[in-house]
Amino acid sequence: MKKTPKRWRLVQDGDGHWYLIRSHELSLFGKWEAAGPYWEGYEGPSFHQFRIDGPQRLTFENPVEE
């Protein structure tokens, strides 16, 4: 059985910073962003490690799905 690859997407926060996150975590990213800089009431993972300099810095190898 062929394993389905995890999908990723580019998202931008309200301050214009770019993130490359897993597609299935889009709603969680929205909650993280809405919680603000002190994440009051937010108990999920941080997305800081997914911040990138912008889409112009990304490169791809064979981005077409087979």
C-alpha atoms as a PDB file:
ATOM      1  CA  MET A   1       0.000   0.000   0.000  1.00  0.00           C
ATOM      2  CA  LYS A   2       1.365   3.391  -0.995  1.00  0.00           C
ATOM      3  CA  LYS A   3       1.769   5.742   1.953  1.00  0.00           C
ATOM      4  CA  THR A   4       0.072   9.126   1.454  1.00  0.00           C
ATOM      5  CA  PRO A   5       2.552  11.982   1.983  1.00  0.00           C
ATOM      6  CA  LYS A   6       1.685  14.663   4.482  1.00  0.00           C
ATOM      7  CA  ARG A   7       0.646  17.898   2.835  1.00  0.00           C
ATOM      8  CA  TRP A   8       2.125  21.274   3.783  1.00  0.00           C
ATOM      9  CA  ARG A   9       0.981  24.807   3.048  1.00  0.00           C
ATOM     10  CA  LEU A  10       2.268  28.359   3.222  1.00  0.00           C
ATOM     11  CA  VAL A  11       0.384  30.669   5.577  1.00  0.00           C
ATOM     12  CA  GLN A  12       0.986  34.226   6.658  1.00  0.00           C
ATOM     13  CA  ASP A  13       0.243  35.704  10.059  1.00  0.00           C
ATOM     14  CA  GLY A  14      -1.243  39.141  10.673  1.00  0.00           C
ATOM     15  CA  ASP A  15       2.235  40.684  10.906  1.00  0.00           C
ATOM     16  CA  GLY A  16       3.267  39.416   7.471  1.00  0.00           C
ATOM     17  CA  HIS A  17       5.497  36.552   8.661  1.00  0.00           C
ATOM     18  CA  TRP A  18       5.415  33.363   6.611  1.00  0.00           C
ATOM     19  CA  TYR A  19       5.085  29.828   7.967  1.00  0.00           C
ATOM     20  CA  LEU A  20       5.269  26.429   6.316  1.00  0.00           C
ATOM     21  CA  ILE A  21       2.829  24.265   8.275  1.00  0.00           C
ATOM     22  CA  ARG A  22       1.116  20.902   7.903  1.00  0.00           C
ATOM     23  CA  SER A  23      -2.173  21.336   6.055  1.00  0.00           C
ATOM     24  CA  HIS A  24      -4.189  19.503   8.695  1.00  0.00           C
ATOM     25  CA  GLU A  25      -3.012  22.034  11.335  1.00  0.00           C
ATOM     26  CA  LEU A  26      -4.421  25.129   9.613  1.00  0.00           C
ATOM     27  CA  SER A  27      -7.218  25.675  12.144  1.00  0.00           C
ATOM     28  CA  LEU A  28      -4.776  25.122  15.025  1.00  0.00           C
ATOM     29  CA  PHE A  29      -2.449  27.714  13.497  1.00  0.00           C
ATOM     30  CA  GLY A  30      -5.376  30.161  13.426  1.00  0.00           C
ATOM     31  CA  LYS A  31      -6.025  29.584  17.130  1.00  0.00           C
ATOM     32  CA  TRP A  32      -2.322  30.006  17.922  1.00  0.00           C
ATOM     33  CA  GLU A  33      -2.208  33.280  15.997  1.00  0.00           C
ATOM     34  CA  ALA A  34      -5.438  34.567  17.558  1.00  0.00           C
ATOM     35  CA  ALA A  35      -4.084  33.888  21.068  1.00  0.00           C
ATOM     36  CA  GLY A  36      -1.587  36.722  20.615  1.00  0.00           C
ATOM     37  CA  PRO A  37       1.972  37.083  21.840  1.00  0.00           C
ATOM     38  CA  TYR A  38       1.288  35.689  25.319  1.00  0.00           C
ATOM     39  CA  TRP A  39      -0.878  32.740  24.170  1.00  0.00           C
ATOM     40  CA  GLU A  40      -3.321  33.189  27.021  1.00  0.00           C
ATOM     41  CA  GLY A  41      -5.799  30.334  26.983  1.00  0.00           C
ATOM     42  CA  TYR A  42      -3.966  28.528  24.173  1.00  0.00           C
ATOM     43  CA  GLU A  43      -2.729  25.043  25.030  1.00  0.00           C
ATOM     44  CA  GLY A  44      -1.540  23.751  21.651  1.00  0.00           C
ATOM     45  CA  PRO A  45       1.878  23.608  20.020  1.00  0.00           C
ATOM     46  CA  SER A  46       3.854  26.670  19.028  1.00  0.00           C
ATOM     47  CA  PHE A  47       4.409  27.327  15.340  1.00  0.00           C
ATOM     48  CA  HIS A  48       7.580  29.393  15.754  1.00  0.00           C
ATOM     49  CA  GLN A  49       9.767  26.578  14.440  1.00  0.00           C
ATOM     50  CA  PHE A  50       7.837  26.669  11.144  1.00  0.00           C
ATOM     51  CA  ARG A  51       8.517  30.339  10.427  1.00  0.00           C
ATOM     52  CA  ILE A  52      10.399  30.938   7.182  1.00  0.00           C
ATOM     53  CA  ASP A  53      11.889  34.027   5.535  1.00  0.00           C
ATOM     54  CA  GLY A  54       9.262  33.922   2.805  1.00  0.00           C
ATOM     55  CA  PRO A  55       8.228  31.822  -0.167  1.00  0.00           C
ATOM     56  CA  GLN A  56      11.001  33.255  -2.339  1.00  0.00           C
ATOM     57  CA  ARG A  57      13.505  31.204  -0.296  1.00  0.00           C
ATOM     58  CA  LEU A  58      11.819  27.831  -0.883  1.00  0.00           C
ATOM     59  CA  THR A  59      13.046  25.341  -3.452  1.00  0.00           C
ATOM     60  CA  PHE A  60      11.373  22.154  -4.622  1.00  0.00           C
ATOM     61  CA  GLU A  61      12.338  18.914  -6.248  1.00  0.00           C
ATOM     62  CA  ASN A  62       9.667  17.257  -8.340  1.00  0.00           C
ATOM     63  CA  PRO A  63       6.645  19.091  -6.838  1.00  0.00           C
ATOM     64  CA  VAL A  64       4.189  17.291  -9.126  1.00  0.00           C
ATOM     65  CA  GLU A  65       2.152  14.583  -7.434  1.00  0.00           C
ATOM     66  CA  GLU A  66       2.377  11.151  -9.008  1.00  0.00           C
END
